[in-house]
């Protein structure tokens, strides 16, 4: 619903014509934007009112995203991008087959393919993009898309570094883009309910939060894997992007037909380990319950020998958040992912999208009319689409995504320095001239990549 105006902002979807065909990588001609009735979508919007989507990064998360969006009558998927040919072709086939099955003519070829995301974001007939690439690509691709007039749904964490997150937030402000972070747990009723109980004091005064993001090891630094042959159809240089050169190894990114979970998440060149992976979800819930969106801790103390229960995050109101240590309503340690909010009159525990409490009666409390009510939403993907249409901030806006990612980055900085660090969440800087910590605010990018994207 948005295109680039004269000043780089967003203008009405009706104010320009969609192009009928564009050149593609791997396709001779681009798609026609076809009537929703031809897609068999009940109540489909007219082509001029439909939100056209492009997808960037077709790995482990994107099939889920595609499944949500291709069934929405107000959307049409018209382009996909990946650095691996097989993923491109299979995803294109899936999307075309879906629309063909739902139209009256029995065929559809409206989904174009690209290996370079810049070709996709340059199309002025695409309104919004969904980004599900490895973490080291998120900020560059989100900024490129927003500067091209697109709204953005970006997987968490939205940045590889704190400076990248600051840049993404600045460009959202600059362009007016509708930005949704892939923190889907915020759209779960049990999560919202737990956070409302905490925010309204039903557990008494909050003093401790425990966050269990899982038991994966910390981020690996300086672990270069042996070189293996690059699979046919994979543009490995493009996969690396801004990251330092590393030879291809299937542990980083296994071939689609060989199976296996890609472990780029565990390597510092590309991500931040488990802290920025599951932690970006789980610390996000903690921040929501504490009412700390857009803020964060003032100090982080690392764990001893990575004993997760000892890593502590201190907030300026006296609340301490710990990595690990969550307990269930029966006060038994929780082995898997969970968040526990502890007050002087009770506890609430979140596991997945469900909430439990101690005393148990807390779970049945009815909020008063004057209590704080948090953003209520049943579908994270549809929320973004509705916000694009209405030009408003979604449930996991950029302030949310940047704040939660910053907590994760601070945890890794304290771990890598192996000492406590202080942080000023208002100025988003390290006080007292902590040069060692400041060195981790950003990273040198491999040419030609930069955040200074025109």
Foldseek 3Di string as FASTA:
>chain_A
DFFQDPQLATDQLLPDDADAWDPFDPDRIAHGQDALVQLQQPPADGSSQAAEEEEEAQPDPVVVVCVVALNDSSYAYQEYEAQFPVSQVVVQVVRQQNSLVNGDVNGGNRYGYHHDLLVVLQRRNHAAYEYDAFQQCQLQSLLSNSSRIHAYEYEPLNHLFLVSLVLSVVSCVVHLHAYHYPLFLLQFPQLQLQLLCLQQQVLHPWAEKEWELADWDWADEPDADDADDDDPRGPVVVSLFFFPDGHDDCCQPNDPVVDDDHDVCRYSRGHTHSCRPSVLNGLLSVCSSVVNQLFFAFKWFADDVPPQQPIWGHHPVNHIYGHADDADLVRHGDNGTKMWTHHPRWIWIDDRSRIAIPVRCSVVDDDDPPGDRADHHNGSSVQSVVCVSVSDHGRCGSSSSSHSSNNSNLRSLCVVVVGMFGAGSVVRDGPPCPVSSVVRNDDGTDPPDDSPDD
